[in-house]
Amino acid sequence: MSIQLKSSARGYRLSLAGEIGYAQVNELYQVAQQIAKNPKPTTIEWENLHAIHYAGVQVLIALGKSLQNHNLPLRYKEPAPDLYAQLERYGLWQAMIES
């Protein structure tokens, strides 16, 4: 599991890799809080993420809504195919895009 946040003048790049289980959701939440304190356009890079716990999905949806309140975008790069299939199967992909 890897959660890396990179910041530039133009925005944040949040890279997620491996598997984010329930035990790692707190770390993801802390990173989301860091972004929310100083909001900038944010891009999620997760082409190397293979699984994410539902609580992690909720953190990303909440982050999207927080940025939306500041009229800032949360962009998702294309996820790994197996992760996309999971999100699509449970109806979460559309919820994330709409947030």
PDB file of N, CA and C in Angstrom:
ATOM      1  N   MET A   1       0.836  -1.166   0.000  1.00  0.00           N
ATOM      2  CA  MET A   1       0.000   0.000   0.000  1.00  0.00           C
ATOM      3  C   MET A   1       0.886   1.236   0.000  1.00  0.00           C
ATOM      4  N   SER A   2       0.514   2.186  -0.817  1.00  0.00           N
ATOM      5  CA  SER A   2       1.266   3.432  -0.898  1.00  0.00           C
ATOM      6  C   SER A   2       0.297   4.587  -1.130  1.00  0.00           C
ATOM      7  N   ILE A   3       0.411   5.604  -0.288  1.00  0.00           N
ATOM      8  CA  ILE A   3      -0.364   6.836  -0.434  1.00  0.00           C
ATOM      9  C   ILE A   3       0.645   7.972  -0.443  1.00  0.00           C
ATOM     10  N   GLN A   4       0.752   8.664  -1.576  1.00  0.00           N
ATOM     11  CA  GLN A   4       1.715   9.760  -1.698  1.00  0.00           C
ATOM     12  C   GLN A   4       1.000  11.004  -2.192  1.00  0.00           C
ATOM     13  N   LEU A   5       1.246  12.120  -1.499  1.00  0.00           N
ATOM     14  CA  LEU A   5       0.667  13.398  -1.892  1.00  0.00           C
ATOM     15  C   LEU A   5       1.793  14.313  -2.343  1.00  0.00           C
ATOM     16  N   LYS A   6       1.659  14.822  -3.558  1.00  0.00           N
ATOM     17  CA  LYS A   6       2.625  15.781  -4.091  1.00  0.00           C
ATOM     18  C   LYS A   6       1.881  17.075  -4.364  1.00  0.00           C
ATOM     19  N   SER A   7       2.513  18.188  -3.997  1.00  0.00           N
ATOM     20  CA  SER A   7       1.884  19.494  -4.154  1.00  0.00           C
ATOM     21  C   SER A   7       2.705  20.366  -5.087  1.00  0.00           C
ATOM     22  N   SER A   8       2.001  21.153  -5.892  1.00  0.00           N
ATOM     23  CA  SER A   8       2.651  22.150  -6.740  1.00  0.00           C
ATOM     24  C   SER A   8       1.787  23.401  -6.691  1.00  0.00           C
ATOM     25  N   ALA A   9       2.221  24.432  -7.355  1.00  0.00           N
ATOM     26  CA  ALA A   9       1.438  25.669  -7.387  1.00  0.00           C
ATOM     27  C   ALA A   9       0.095  25.447  -8.076  1.00  0.00           C
ATOM     28  N   ARG A  10       0.041  24.500  -9.001  1.00  0.00           N
ATOM     29  CA  ARG A  10      -1.197  24.249  -9.756  1.00  0.00           C
ATOM     30  C   ARG A  10      -2.157  23.298  -9.059  1.00  0.00           C
ATOM     31  N   GLY A  11      -1.686  22.524  -8.099  1.00  0.00           N
ATOM     32  CA  GLY A  11      -2.595  21.611  -7.421  1.00  0.00           C
ATOM     33  C   GLY A  11      -1.889  20.436  -6.780  1.00  0.00           C
ATOM     34  N   TYR A  12      -2.687  19.469  -6.371  1.00  0.00           N
ATOM     35  CA  TYR A  12      -2.182  18.258  -5.729  1.00  0.00           C
ATOM     36  C   TYR A  12      -2.257  17.082  -6.688  1.00  0.00           C
ATOM     37  N   ARG A  13      -1.347  16.135  -6.460  1.00  0.00           N
ATOM     38  CA  ARG A  13      -1.391  14.850  -7.149  1.00  0.00           C
ATOM     39  C   ARG A  13      -1.324  13.778  -6.062  1.00  0.00           C
ATOM     40  N   LEU A  14      -2.416  13.041  -5.919  1.00  0.00           N
ATOM     41  CA  LEU A  14      -2.505  11.990  -4.918  1.00  0.00           C
ATOM     42  C   LEU A  14      -2.338  10.649  -5.620  1.00  0.00           C
ATOM     43  N   SER A  15      -1.239   9.967  -5.325  1.00  0.00           N
ATOM     44  CA  SER A  15      -0.943   8.670  -5.948  1.00  0.00           C
ATOM     45  C   SER A  15      -1.277   7.552  -4.967  1.00  0.00           C
ATOM     46  N   LEU A  16      -2.085   6.613  -5.426  1.00  0.00           N
ATOM     47  CA  LEU A  16      -2.492   5.468  -4.615  1.00  0.00           C
ATOM     48  C   LEU A  16      -2.037   4.197  -5.318  1.00  0.00           C
ATOM     49  N   ALA A  17      -1.445   3.282  -4.568  1.00  0.00           N
ATOM     50  CA  ALA A  17      -0.953   2.040  -5.163  1.00  0.00           C
ATOM     51  C   ALA A  17      -1.154   0.888  -4.189  1.00  0.00           C
ATOM     52  N   GLY A  18      -1.182  -0.312  -4.740  1.00  0.00           N
ATOM     53  CA  GLY A  18      -1.329  -1.511  -3.921  1.00  0.00           C
ATOM     54  C   GLY A  18      -2.768  -1.753  -3.542  1.00  0.00           C
ATOM     55  N   GLU A  19      -3.009  -1.894  -2.248  1.00  0.00           N
ATOM     56  CA  GLU A  19      -4.347  -2.163  -1.738  1.00  0.00           C
ATOM     57  C   GLU A  19      -4.581  -1.290  -0.513  1.00  0.00           C
ATOM     58  N   ILE A  20      -5.684  -0.570  -0.497  1.00  0.00           N
ATOM     59  CA  ILE A  20      -6.031   0.249   0.663  1.00  0.00           C
ATOM     60  C   ILE A  20      -7.173  -0.459   1.379  1.00  0.00           C
ATOM     61  N   GLY A  21      -6.806  -1.155   2.451  1.00  0.00           N
ATOM     62  CA  GLY A  21      -7.791  -1.854   3.264  1.00  0.00           C
ATOM     63  C   GLY A  21      -8.298  -0.952   4.372  1.00  0.00           C
ATOM     64  N   TYR A  22      -9.132  -1.509   5.227  1.00  0.00           N
ATOM     65  CA  TYR A  22      -9.712  -0.722   6.312  1.00  0.00           C
ATOM     66  C   TYR A  22      -8.626  -0.133   7.209  1.00  0.00           C
ATOM     67  N   ALA A  23      -7.555  -0.872   7.442  1.00  0.00           N
ATOM     68  CA  ALA A  23      -6.482  -0.401   8.324  1.00  0.00           C
ATOM     69  C   ALA A  23      -5.755   0.817   7.760  1.00  0.00           C
ATOM     70  N   GLN A  24      -5.775   1.005   6.448  1.00  0.00           N
ATOM     71  CA  GLN A  24      -5.070   2.122   5.820  1.00  0.00           C
ATOM     72  C   GLN A  24      -5.971   3.327   5.555  1.00  0.00           C
ATOM     73  N   VAL A  25      -7.259   3.189   5.804  1.00  0.00           N
ATOM     74  CA  VAL A  25      -8.195   4.279   5.503  1.00  0.00           C
ATOM     75  C   VAL A  25      -7.877   5.520   6.328  1.00  0.00           C
ATOM     76  N   ASN A  26      -7.426   5.346   7.571  1.00  0.00           N
ATOM     77  CA  ASN A  26      -7.098   6.505   8.404  1.00  0.00           C
ATOM     78  C   ASN A  26      -6.003   7.354   7.764  1.00  0.00           C
ATOM     79  N   GLU A  27      -4.997   6.716   7.189  1.00  0.00           N
ATOM     80  CA  GLU A  27      -3.930   7.461   6.516  1.00  0.00           C
ATOM     81  C   GLU A  27      -4.486   8.234   5.315  1.00  0.00           C
ATOM     82  N   LEU A  28      -5.361   7.604   4.550  1.00  0.00           N
ATOM     83  CA  LEU A  28      -5.994   8.275   3.416  1.00  0.00           C
ATOM     84  C   LEU A  28      -6.839   9.449   3.902  1.00  0.00           C
ATOM     85  N   TYR A  29      -7.551   9.257   5.002  1.00  0.00           N
ATOM     86  CA  TYR A  29      -8.376  10.321   5.585  1.00  0.00           C
ATOM     87  C   TYR A  29      -7.512  11.512   5.999  1.00  0.00           C
ATOM     88  N   GLN A  30      -6.370  11.252   6.612  1.00  0.00           N
ATOM     89  CA  GLN A  30      -5.472  12.333   7.030  1.00  0.00           C
ATOM     90  C   GLN A  30      -4.965  13.118   5.827  1.00  0.00           C
ATOM     91  N   VAL A  31      -4.646  12.444   4.743  1.00  0.00           N
ATOM     92  CA  VAL A  31      -4.204  13.123   3.523  1.00  0.00           C
ATOM     93  C   VAL A  31      -5.347  13.961   2.954  1.00  0.00           C
ATOM     94  N   ALA A  32      -6.559  13.419   2.964  1.00  0.00           N
ATOM     95  CA  ALA A  32      -7.724  14.170   2.480  1.00  0.00           C
ATOM     96  C   ALA A  32      -7.954  15.415   3.333  1.00  0.00           C
ATOM     97  N   GLN A  33      -7.761  15.300   4.639  1.00  0.00           N
ATOM     98  CA  GLN A  33      -7.895  16.461   5.526  1.00  0.00           C
ATOM     99  C   GLN A  33      -6.850  17.520   5.203  1.00  0.00           C
ATOM    100  N   GLN A  34      -5.649  17.085   4.893  1.00  0.00           N
ATOM    101  CA  GLN A  34      -4.571  18.005   4.515  1.00  0.00           C
ATOM    102  C   GLN A  34      -4.956  18.772   3.249  1.00  0.00           C
ATOM    103  N   ILE A  35      -5.530  18.093   2.280  1.00  0.00           N
ATOM    104  CA  ILE A  35      -5.970  18.745   1.045  1.00  0.00           C
ATOM    105  C   ILE A  35      -7.109  19.715   1.350  1.00  0.00           C
ATOM    106  N   ALA A  36      -8.051  19.303   2.193  1.00  0.00           N
ATOM    107  CA  ALA A  36      -9.214  20.139   2.510  1.00  0.00           C
ATOM    108  C   ALA A  36      -8.819  21.412   3.252  1.00  0.00           C
ATOM    109  N   LYS A  37      -7.737  21.369   4.027  1.00  0.00           N
ATOM    110  CA  LYS A  37      -7.294  22.564   4.764  1.00  0.00           C
ATOM    111  C   LYS A  37      -6.736  23.632   3.837  1.00  0.00           C
ATOM    112  N   ASN A  38      -6.126  23.221   2.742  1.00  0.00           N
ATOM    113  CA  ASN A  38      -5.564  24.153   1.762  1.00  0.00           C
ATOM    114  C   ASN A  38      -5.992  23.665   0.379  1.00  0.00           C
ATOM    115  N   PRO A  39      -7.267  23.871   0.025  1.00  0.00           N
ATOM    116  CA  PRO A  39      -7.798  23.271  -1.202  1.00  0.00           C
ATOM    117  C   PRO A  39      -7.168  23.808  -2.481  1.00  0.00           C
ATOM    118  N   LYS A  40      -6.856  22.873  -3.363  1.00  0.00           N
ATOM    119  CA  LYS A  40      -6.344  23.149  -4.710  1.00  0.00           C
ATOM    120  C   LYS A  40      -6.927  22.076  -5.624  1.00  0.00           C
ATOM    121  N   PRO A  41      -6.930  22.307  -6.939  1.00  0.00           N
ATOM    122  CA  PRO A  41      -7.337  21.227  -7.844  1.00  0.00           C
ATOM    123  C   PRO A  41      -6.506  19.970  -7.546  1.00  0.00           C
ATOM    124  N   THR A  42      -7.160  18.835  -7.559  1.00  0.00           N
ATOM    125  CA  THR A  42      -6.509  17.584  -7.156  1.00  0.00           C
ATOM    126  C   THR A  42      -6.746  16.503  -8.205  1.00  0.00           C
ATOM    127  N   THR A  43      -5.697  15.747  -8.477  1.00  0.00           N
ATOM    128  CA  THR A  43      -5.780  14.614  -9.395  1.00  0.00           C
ATOM    129  C   THR A  43      -5.438  13.338  -8.629  1.00  0.00           C
ATOM    130  N   ILE A  44      -6.306  12.339  -8.764  1.00  0.00           N
ATOM    131  CA  ILE A  44      -6.069  11.029  -8.155  1.00  0.00           C
ATOM    132  C   ILE A  44      -5.444  10.122  -9.209  1.00  0.00           C
ATOM    133  N   GLU A  45      -4.260   9.621  -8.918  1.00  0.00           N
ATOM    134  CA  GLU A  45      -3.586   8.653  -9.793  1.00  0.00           C
ATOM    135  C   GLU A  45      -3.672   7.297  -9.110  1.00  0.00           C
ATOM    136  N   TRP A  46      -4.383   6.381  -9.721  1.00  0.00           N
ATOM    137  CA  TRP A  46      -4.580   5.086  -9.080  1.00  0.00           C
ATOM    138  C   TRP A  46      -4.519   3.926 -10.050  1.00  0.00           C
ATOM    139  N   GLU A  47      -3.737   4.100 -11.093  1.00  0.00           N
ATOM    140  CA  GLU A  47      -3.591   3.010 -12.053  1.00  0.00           C
ATOM    141  C   GLU A  47      -2.868   1.807 -11.450  1.00  0.00           C
ATOM    142  N   ASN A  48      -2.177   1.993 -10.315  1.00  0.00           N
ATOM    143  CA  ASN A  48      -1.491   0.884  -9.645  1.00  0.00           C
ATOM    144  C   ASN A  48      -2.202   0.432  -8.372  1.00  0.00           C
ATOM    145  N   LEU A  49      -3.420   0.932  -8.159  1.00  0.00           N
ATOM    146  CA  LEU A  49      -4.216   0.525  -7.001  1.00  0.00           C
ATOM    147  C   LEU A  49      -5.086  -0.658  -7.415  1.00  0.00           C
ATOM    148  N   HIS A  50      -5.033  -1.734  -6.639  1.00  0.00           N
ATOM    149  CA  HIS A  50      -5.753  -2.950  -7.015  1.00  0.00           C
ATOM    150  C   HIS A  50      -7.039  -3.152  -6.233  1.00  0.00           C
ATOM    151  N   ALA A  51      -7.128  -2.564  -5.041  1.00  0.00           N
ATOM    152  CA  ALA A  51      -8.340  -2.697  -4.237  1.00  0.00           C
ATOM    153  C   ALA A  51      -8.398  -1.545  -3.243  1.00  0.00           C
ATOM    154  N   ILE A  52      -9.629  -1.126  -2.933  1.00  0.00           N
ATOM    155  CA  ILE A  52      -9.828  -0.076  -1.940  1.00  0.00           C
ATOM    156  C   ILE A  52     -11.070  -0.432  -1.129  1.00  0.00           C
ATOM    157  N   HIS A  53     -10.956  -0.304   0.176  1.00  0.00           N
ATOM    158  CA  HIS A  53     -12.079  -0.578   1.072  1.00  0.00           C
ATOM    159  C   HIS A  53     -13.165   0.466   0.842  1.00  0.00           C
ATOM    160  N   TYR A  54     -14.405   0.086   1.085  1.00  0.00           N
ATOM    161  CA  TYR A  54     -15.534   0.995   0.880  1.00  0.00           C
ATOM    162  C   TYR A  54     -15.351   2.301   1.662  1.00  0.00           C
ATOM    163  N   ALA A  55     -14.776   2.236   2.861  1.00  0.00           N
ATOM    164  CA  ALA A  55     -14.537   3.451   3.651  1.00  0.00           C
ATOM    165  C   ALA A  55     -13.565   4.383   2.925  1.00  0.00           C
ATOM    166  N   GLY A  56     -12.611   3.827   2.203  1.00  0.00           N
ATOM    167  CA  GLY A  56     -11.690   4.642   1.408  1.00  0.00           C
ATOM    168  C   GLY A  56     -12.399   5.331   0.264  1.00  0.00           C
ATOM    169  N   VAL A  57     -13.343   4.628  -0.356  1.00  0.00           N
ATOM    170  CA  VAL A  57     -14.153   5.235  -1.418  1.00  0.00           C
ATOM    171  C   VAL A  57     -14.936   6.408  -0.845  1.00  0.00           C
ATOM    172  N   GLN A  58     -15.489   6.228   0.355  1.00  0.00           N
ATOM    173  CA  GLN A  58     -16.247   7.306   0.995  1.00  0.00           C
ATOM    174  C   GLN A  58     -15.365   8.519   1.272  1.00  0.00           C
ATOM    175  N   VAL A  59     -14.112   8.293   1.656  1.00  0.00           N
ATOM    176  CA  VAL A  59     -13.174   9.402   1.874  1.00  0.00           C
ATOM    177  C   VAL A  59     -12.964  10.167   0.571  1.00  0.00           C
ATOM    178  N   LEU A  60     -12.785   9.456  -0.540  1.00  0.00           N
ATOM    179  CA  LEU A  60     -12.572  10.120  -1.828  1.00  0.00           C
ATOM    180  C   LEU A  60     -13.815  10.881  -2.280  1.00  0.00           C
ATOM    181  N   ILE A  61     -14.992  10.325  -2.041  1.00  0.00           N
ATOM    182  CA  ILE A  61     -16.230  11.025  -2.394  1.00  0.00           C
ATOM    183  C   ILE A  61     -16.371  12.296  -1.558  1.00  0.00           C
ATOM    184  N   ALA A  62     -16.087  12.208  -0.259  1.00  0.00           N
ATOM    185  CA  ALA A  62     -16.163  13.387   0.612  1.00  0.00           C
ATOM    186  C   ALA A  62     -15.145  14.441   0.191  1.00  0.00           C
ATOM    187  N   LEU A  63     -13.958  14.012  -0.209  1.00  0.00           N
ATOM    188  CA  LEU A  63     -12.948  14.954  -0.691  1.00  0.00           C
ATOM    189  C   LEU A  63     -13.452  15.671  -1.935  1.00  0.00           C
ATOM    190  N   GLY A  64     -14.066  14.936  -2.834  1.00  0.00           N
ATOM    191  CA  GLY A  64     -14.625  15.540  -4.046  1.00  0.00           C
ATOM    192  C   GLY A  64     -15.668  16.588  -3.724  1.00  0.00           C
ATOM    193  N   LYS A  65     -16.543  16.297  -2.766  1.00  0.00           N
ATOM    194  CA  LYS A  65     -17.584  17.253  -2.371  1.00  0.00           C
ATOM    195  C   LYS A  65     -16.968  18.478  -1.706  1.00  0.00           C
ATOM    196  N   SER A  66     -15.940  18.278  -0.900  1.00  0.00           N
ATOM    197  CA  SER A  66     -15.259  19.396  -0.250  1.00  0.00           C
ATOM    198  C   SER A  66     -14.628  20.325  -1.283  1.00  0.00           C
ATOM    199  N   LEU A  67     -13.940  19.753  -2.255  1.00  0.00           N
ATOM    200  CA  LEU A  67     -13.328  20.569  -3.304  1.00  0.00           C
ATOM    201  C   LEU A  67     -14.390  21.257  -4.148  1.00  0.00           C
ATOM    202  N   GLN A  68     -15.486  20.560  -4.392  1.00  0.00           N
ATOM    203  CA  GLN A  68     -16.581  21.134  -5.176  1.00  0.00           C
ATOM    204  C   GLN A  68     -17.155  22.367  -4.474  1.00  0.00           C
ATOM    205  N   ASN A  69     -17.200  22.353  -3.146  1.00  0.00           N
ATOM    206  CA  ASN A  69     -17.677  23.514  -2.391  1.00  0.00           C
ATOM    207  C   ASN A  69     -16.794  24.738  -2.602  1.00  0.00           C
ATOM    208  N   HIS A  70     -15.552  24.523  -3.010  1.00  0.00           N
ATOM    209  CA  HIS A  70     -14.610  25.612  -3.310  1.00  0.00           C
ATOM    210  C   HIS A  70     -14.487  25.837  -4.815  1.00  0.00           C
ATOM    211  N   ASN A  71     -15.380  25.212  -5.578  1.00  0.00           N
ATOM    212  CA  ASN A  71     -15.351  25.296  -7.049  1.00  0.00           C
ATOM    213  C   ASN A  71     -14.031  24.808  -7.633  1.00  0.00           C
ATOM    214  N   LEU A  72     -13.484  23.769  -7.024  1.00  0.00           N
ATOM    215  CA  LEU A  72     -12.232  23.168  -7.486  1.00  0.00           C
ATOM    216  C   LEU A  72     -12.504  21.735  -7.939  1.00  0.00           C
ATOM    217  N   PRO A  73     -11.799  21.279  -8.962  1.00  0.00           N
ATOM    218  CA  PRO A  73     -12.047  19.924  -9.464  1.00  0.00           C
ATOM    219  C   PRO A  73     -11.262  18.841  -8.715  1.00  0.00           C
ATOM    220  N   LEU A  74     -11.870  17.663  -8.656  1.00  0.00           N
ATOM    221  CA  LEU A  74     -11.178  16.441  -8.267  1.00  0.00           C
ATOM    222  C   LEU A  74     -11.217  15.561  -9.503  1.00  0.00           C
ATOM    223  N   ARG A  75     -10.048  15.326 -10.087  1.00  0.00           N
ATOM    224  CA  ARG A  75      -9.960  14.524 -11.311  1.00  0.00           C
ATOM    225  C   ARG A  75      -9.417  13.140 -10.965  1.00  0.00           C
ATOM    226  N   TYR A  76      -9.967  12.153 -11.632  1.00  0.00           N
ATOM    227  CA  TYR A  76      -9.501  10.775 -11.468  1.00  0.00           C
ATOM    228  C   TYR A  76      -8.853  10.337 -12.765  1.00  0.00           C
ATOM    229  N   LYS A  77      -7.592   9.911 -12.691  1.00  0.00           N
ATOM    230  CA  LYS A  77      -7.000   9.252 -13.853  1.00  0.00           C
ATOM    231  C   LYS A  77      -7.626   7.865 -13.940  1.00  0.00           C
ATOM    232  N   GLU A  78      -7.443   7.206 -15.060  1.00  0.00           N
ATOM    233  CA  GLU A  78      -8.067   5.895 -15.250  1.00  0.00           C
ATOM    234  C   GLU A  78      -7.513   4.891 -14.239  1.00  0.00           C
ATOM    235  N   PRO A  79      -8.412   4.196 -13.523  1.00  0.00           N
ATOM    236  CA  PRO A  79      -7.947   3.217 -12.534  1.00  0.00           C
ATOM    237  C   PRO A  79      -7.483   1.929 -13.201  1.00  0.00           C
ATOM    238  N   ALA A  80      -6.840   1.092 -12.402  1.00  0.00           N
ATOM    239  CA  ALA A  80      -6.460  -0.244 -12.866  1.00  0.00           C
ATOM    240  C   ALA A  80      -7.732  -0.979 -13.289  1.00  0.00           C
ATOM    241  N   PRO A  81      -7.668  -1.809 -14.332  1.00  0.00           N
ATOM    242  CA  PRO A  81      -8.873  -2.486 -14.835  1.00  0.00           C
ATOM    243  C   PRO A  81      -9.625  -3.293 -13.776  1.00  0.00           C
ATOM    244  N   ASP A  82      -8.902  -4.011 -12.902  1.00  0.00           N
ATOM    245  CA  ASP A  82      -9.594  -4.809 -11.888  1.00  0.00           C
ATOM    246  C   ASP A  82     -10.283  -3.926 -10.854  1.00  0.00           C
ATOM    247  N   LEU A  83      -9.676  -2.788 -10.514  1.00  0.00           N
ATOM    248  CA  LEU A  83     -10.311  -1.858  -9.584  1.00  0.00           C
ATOM    249  C   LEU A  83     -11.544  -1.232 -10.226  1.00  0.00           C
ATOM    250  N   TYR A  84     -11.421  -0.848 -11.486  1.00  0.00           N
ATOM    251  CA  TYR A  84     -12.568  -0.275 -12.194  1.00  0.00           C
ATOM    252  C   TYR A  84     -13.735  -1.263 -12.206  1.00  0.00           C
ATOM    253  N   ALA A  85     -13.440  -2.520 -12.461  1.00  0.00           N
ATOM    254  CA  ALA A  85     -14.492  -3.542 -12.501  1.00  0.00           C
ATOM    255  C   ALA A  85     -15.196  -3.654 -11.148  1.00  0.00           C
ATOM    256  N   GLN A  86     -14.426  -3.596 -10.058  1.00  0.00           N
ATOM    257  CA  GLN A  86     -15.021  -3.640  -8.717  1.00  0.00           C
ATOM    258  C   GLN A  86     -15.921  -2.436  -8.485  1.00  0.00           C
ATOM    259  N   LEU A  87     -15.413  -1.250  -8.772  1.00  0.00           N
ATOM    260  CA  LEU A  87     -16.179  -0.025  -8.540  1.00  0.00           C
ATOM    261  C   LEU A  87     -17.445   0.002  -9.390  1.00  0.00           C
ATOM    262  N   GLU A  88     -17.330  -0.418 -10.623  1.00  0.00           N
ATOM    263  CA  GLU A  88     -18.478  -0.431 -11.531  1.00  0.00           C
ATOM    264  C   GLU A  88     -19.522  -1.456 -11.078  1.00  0.00           C
ATOM    265  N   ARG A  89     -19.056  -2.615 -10.644  1.00  0.00           N
ATOM    266  CA  ARG A  89     -19.966  -3.686 -10.226  1.00  0.00           C
ATOM    267  C   ARG A  89     -20.845  -3.245  -9.052  1.00  0.00           C
ATOM    268  N   TYR A  90     -20.287  -2.479  -8.135  1.00  0.00           N
ATOM    269  CA  TYR A  90     -21.043  -2.050  -6.957  1.00  0.00           C
ATOM    270  C   TYR A  90     -21.665  -0.665  -7.116  1.00  0.00           C
ATOM    271  N   GLY A  91     -21.586  -0.094  -8.310  1.00  0.00           N
ATOM    272  CA  GLY A  91     -22.204   1.202  -8.563  1.00  0.00           C
ATOM    273  C   GLY A  91     -21.452   2.379  -7.979  1.00  0.00           C
ATOM    274  N   LEU A  92     -20.214   2.157  -7.579  1.00  0.00           N
ATOM    275  CA  LEU A  92     -19.449   3.221  -6.929  1.00  0.00           C
ATOM    276  C   LEU A  92     -18.746   4.134  -7.925  1.00  0.00           C
ATOM    277  N   TRP A  93     -18.428   3.625  -9.103  1.00  0.00           N
ATOM    278  CA  TRP A  93     -17.715   4.440 -10.089  1.00  0.00           C
ATOM    279  C   TRP A  93     -18.532   5.681 -10.437  1.00  0.00           C
ATOM    280  N   GLN A  94     -19.800   5.498 -10.728  1.00  0.00           N
ATOM    281  CA  GLN A  94     -20.659   6.625 -11.091  1.00  0.00           C
ATOM    282  C   GLN A  94     -20.789   7.600  -9.925  1.00  0.00           C
ATOM    283  N   ALA A  95     -20.913   7.085  -8.707  1.00  0.00           N
ATOM    284  CA  ALA A  95     -21.019   7.946  -7.526  1.00  0.00           C
ATOM    285  C   ALA A  95     -19.765   8.793  -7.349  1.00  0.00           C
ATOM    286  N   MET A  96     -18.603   8.223  -7.624  1.00  0.00           N
ATOM    287  CA  MET A  96     -17.352   8.967  -7.479  1.00  0.00           C
ATOM    288  C   MET A  96     -17.240  10.046  -8.543  1.00  0.00           C
ATOM    289  N   ILE A  97     -17.616   9.729  -9.758  1.00  0.00           N
ATOM    290  CA  ILE A  97     -17.525  10.693 -10.848  1.00  0.00           C
ATOM    291  C   ILE A  97     -18.488  11.850 -10.610  1.00  0.00           C
ATOM    292  N   GLU A  98     -19.658  11.556 -10.080  1.00  0.00           N
ATOM    293  CA  GLU A  98     -20.659  12.592  -9.847  1.00  0.00           C
ATOM    294  C   GLU A  98     -20.363  13.443  -8.627  1.00  0.00           C
ATOM    295  N   SER A  99     -19.476  13.000  -7.743  1.00  0.00           N
ATOM    296  CA  SER A  99     -19.193  13.779  -6.533  1.00  0.00           C
ATOM    297  C   SER A  99     -18.327  14.978  -6.828  1.00  0.00           C
TER     298      SER A  99
END
